[in-house]
Amino acid sequence: MKTFKSFFLLLFASALVFSVNSCKSGNGEEELPDFNMVRTAEGFKEFIDEHGGFESAQILDFRSAEDFANGHVPGAVNIPATAVNTDNGEFAQEVMAFFPDKSKPIYMYGGMMLDNVVAGRISGLGYGKVNSNLLMGGFNAWKAAFPDEIEQ
């Protein structure tokens, strides 16, 4: 029973630390309050437009390469979530190659249950602003709202 309580205490503390760290920028400054708010596809587009546009946004699509090739949010790059589980450093190399500026936020979508795992791995590489749930409904929501704004 004591081990069980210790496990949950450790789990809670880890979640609290991750939550606090994900709300801070890379230099320790408090993040804008709207950064972690989940948005509809329309709200996501508006948010990106208000913060420099899709040309300057760092957007990660972590769906499969096949799904990405069939369509993705404008400006998104693809690193499949399956790469997260590799221990050969490929995931880290790809993240750092696509997103060299660790001070800029990374917006992720994938529609999988791996959002927090991927975000945790990216945060562990020194990126201070990683949002894994800004686009509610993932690419399917984007596709339904903006069928004419899909890159392939």
Protein backbone atom coordinates (compact mmCIF):
# COMPACT_ATOMS: atom_id res chain seq x y z
CA MET A 1 0.00 0.00 0.00
CA LYS A 2 2.85 2.36 0.84
CA THR A 3 4.46 1.72 -2.58
CA PHE A 4 1.12 2.41 -4.26
CA LYS A 5 0.79 5.77 -2.49
CA SER A 6 4.40 6.67 -3.30
CA PHE A 7 3.82 5.88 -6.96
CA PHE A 8 0.79 8.18 -7.18
CA LEU A 9 2.56 10.93 -5.26
CA LEU A 10 5.47 10.73 -7.70
CA LEU A 11 3.08 10.69 -10.66
CA PHE A 12 1.23 13.75 -9.34
CA ALA A 13 4.48 15.64 -8.71
CA SER A 14 5.72 14.83 -12.23
CA ALA A 15 2.47 16.05 -13.77
CA LEU A 16 2.67 19.24 -11.73
CA VAL A 17 6.27 19.93 -12.80
CA PHE A 18 5.45 19.25 -16.48
CA SER A 19 2.39 21.51 -16.24
CA VAL A 20 4.37 24.37 -14.72
CA ASN A 21 7.24 23.98 -17.20
CA SER A 22 4.91 23.88 -20.20
CA CYS A 23 3.49 27.27 -19.19
CA LYS A 24 6.88 28.99 -19.18
CA SER A 25 8.93 30.17 -22.07
CA GLY A 26 12.43 28.87 -22.76
CA ASN A 27 13.97 31.74 -20.81
CA GLY A 28 11.81 31.25 -17.71
CA GLU A 29 9.35 34.05 -18.45
CA GLU A 30 5.66 33.38 -17.90
CA GLU A 31 3.88 32.43 -21.12
CA LEU A 32 0.91 34.28 -22.54
CA PRO A 33 -2.28 33.02 -20.90
CA ASP A 34 -3.81 32.06 -24.25
CA PHE A 35 -0.93 29.78 -25.31
CA ASN A 36 -2.30 26.61 -23.69
CA MET A 37 -5.97 27.15 -24.51
CA VAL A 38 -7.50 24.45 -26.72
CA ARG A 39 -9.08 25.88 -29.86
CA THR A 40 -11.39 24.90 -32.67
CA ALA A 41 -9.84 24.87 -36.14
CA GLU A 42 -11.10 28.43 -36.68
CA GLY A 43 -9.64 29.53 -33.36
CA PHE A 44 -6.34 27.81 -34.14
CA LYS A 45 -6.08 29.62 -37.49
CA GLU A 46 -6.88 32.94 -35.85
CA PHE A 47 -4.31 32.32 -33.09
CA ILE A 48 -1.56 31.48 -35.60
CA ASP A 49 -2.45 34.51 -37.74
CA GLU A 50 -2.27 36.77 -34.66
CA HIS A 51 1.16 35.38 -33.71
CA GLY A 52 3.10 35.80 -36.94
CA GLY A 53 1.20 33.61 -39.38
CA PHE A 54 1.73 30.14 -40.76
CA GLU A 55 4.98 31.12 -42.51
CA SER A 56 6.74 31.70 -39.19
CA ALA A 57 4.88 29.19 -36.99
CA GLN A 58 6.56 25.97 -35.93
CA ILE A 59 3.86 23.34 -36.49
CA LEU A 60 4.50 19.64 -35.96
CA ASP A 61 2.21 17.00 -37.44
CA PHE A 62 3.08 13.70 -35.77
CA ARG A 63 0.69 11.50 -37.74
CA SER A 64 2.06 8.82 -40.05
CA ALA A 65 4.06 9.89 -43.11
CA GLU A 66 1.27 8.51 -45.30
CA ASP A 67 -1.43 10.56 -43.55
CA PHE A 68 0.78 13.65 -43.74
CA ALA A 69 1.35 13.14 -47.49
CA ASN A 70 -2.43 12.99 -47.98
CA GLY A 71 -2.83 16.47 -46.48
CA HIS A 72 -1.73 18.63 -43.55
CA VAL A 73 -2.07 22.09 -42.02
CA PRO A 74 -0.14 24.73 -44.00
CA GLY A 75 3.48 25.00 -42.94
CA ALA A 76 3.44 21.83 -40.83
CA VAL A 77 6.37 19.44 -40.82
CA ASN A 78 6.07 15.73 -40.19
CA ILE A 79 7.83 13.62 -37.62
CA PRO A 80 5.74 10.48 -37.10
CA ALA A 81 4.96 9.64 -33.48
CA THR A 82 6.53 6.22 -34.04
CA ALA A 83 9.92 7.99 -34.15
CA VAL A 84 9.46 9.02 -30.50
CA ASN A 85 10.06 5.45 -29.36
CA THR A 86 13.39 5.08 -31.13
CA ASP A 87 16.47 5.29 -28.98
CA ASN A 88 18.90 6.07 -31.80
CA GLY A 89 18.53 9.84 -31.53
CA GLU A 90 16.67 10.17 -34.84
CA PHE A 91 13.67 11.87 -33.22
CA ALA A 92 15.84 14.46 -31.47
CA GLN A 93 17.84 15.13 -34.64
CA GLU A 94 14.68 15.66 -36.69
CA VAL A 95 13.11 17.99 -34.10
CA MET A 96 16.27 20.10 -33.89
CA ALA A 97 16.64 20.18 -37.69
CA PHE A 98 13.05 21.30 -38.29
CA PHE A 99 12.88 23.65 -35.28
CA PRO A 100 16.31 25.20 -34.66
CA ASP A 101 14.94 28.13 -32.63
CA LYS A 102 14.12 26.69 -29.20
CA SER A 103 12.67 30.00 -28.05
CA LYS A 104 9.79 29.85 -30.56
CA PRO A 105 6.68 27.86 -29.65
CA ILE A 106 5.95 24.52 -31.28
CA TYR A 107 2.31 23.73 -32.00
CA MET A 108 1.55 20.04 -32.40
CA TYR A 109 -1.31 17.96 -33.66
CA GLY A 110 -1.69 14.31 -34.38
CA GLY A 111 -5.03 13.08 -33.15
CA MET A 112 -3.43 10.29 -31.14
CA MET A 113 -3.12 9.50 -27.49
CA LEU A 114 0.63 10.23 -27.69
CA ASP A 115 0.30 14.03 -27.51
CA ASN A 116 1.79 14.33 -24.03
CA VAL A 117 4.53 11.78 -24.73
CA VAL A 118 5.67 13.65 -27.83
CA ALA A 119 5.41 17.01 -26.06
CA GLY A 120 7.42 15.64 -23.14
CA ARG A 121 10.20 14.40 -25.40
CA ILE A 122 10.38 17.75 -27.20
CA SER A 123 10.38 19.67 -23.90
CA GLY A 124 13.19 17.38 -22.76
CA LEU A 125 15.28 18.64 -25.69
CA GLY A 126 15.16 22.17 -24.25
CA TYR A 127 12.11 23.59 -26.00
CA GLY A 128 10.23 25.65 -23.46
CA LYS A 129 7.01 26.33 -25.35
CA VAL A 130 5.38 23.15 -26.63
CA ASN A 131 1.62 22.97 -27.07
CA SER A 132 0.22 19.54 -27.79
CA ASN A 133 -3.48 20.36 -27.76
CA LEU A 134 -3.97 23.76 -29.37
CA LEU A 135 -5.95 22.30 -32.30
CA MET A 136 -9.01 20.53 -30.92
CA GLY A 137 -9.88 17.60 -33.17
CA GLY A 138 -6.49 17.58 -34.90
CA PHE A 139 -6.18 17.51 -38.66
CA ASN A 140 -9.71 16.15 -39.16
CA ALA A 141 -11.11 19.33 -37.60
CA TRP A 142 -8.85 21.46 -39.80
CA LYS A 143 -9.88 19.53 -42.93
CA ALA A 144 -13.59 19.97 -42.14
CA ALA A 145 -13.24 23.70 -41.45
CA PHE A 146 -10.75 24.60 -44.19
CA PRO A 147 -10.95 22.07 -47.05
CA ASP A 148 -9.32 24.60 -49.41
CA GLU A 149 -6.40 25.26 -47.04
CA ILE A 150 -4.71 21.90 -47.00
CA GLU A 151 -1.13 21.36 -48.14
CA GLN A 152 -0.06 18.08 -49.70
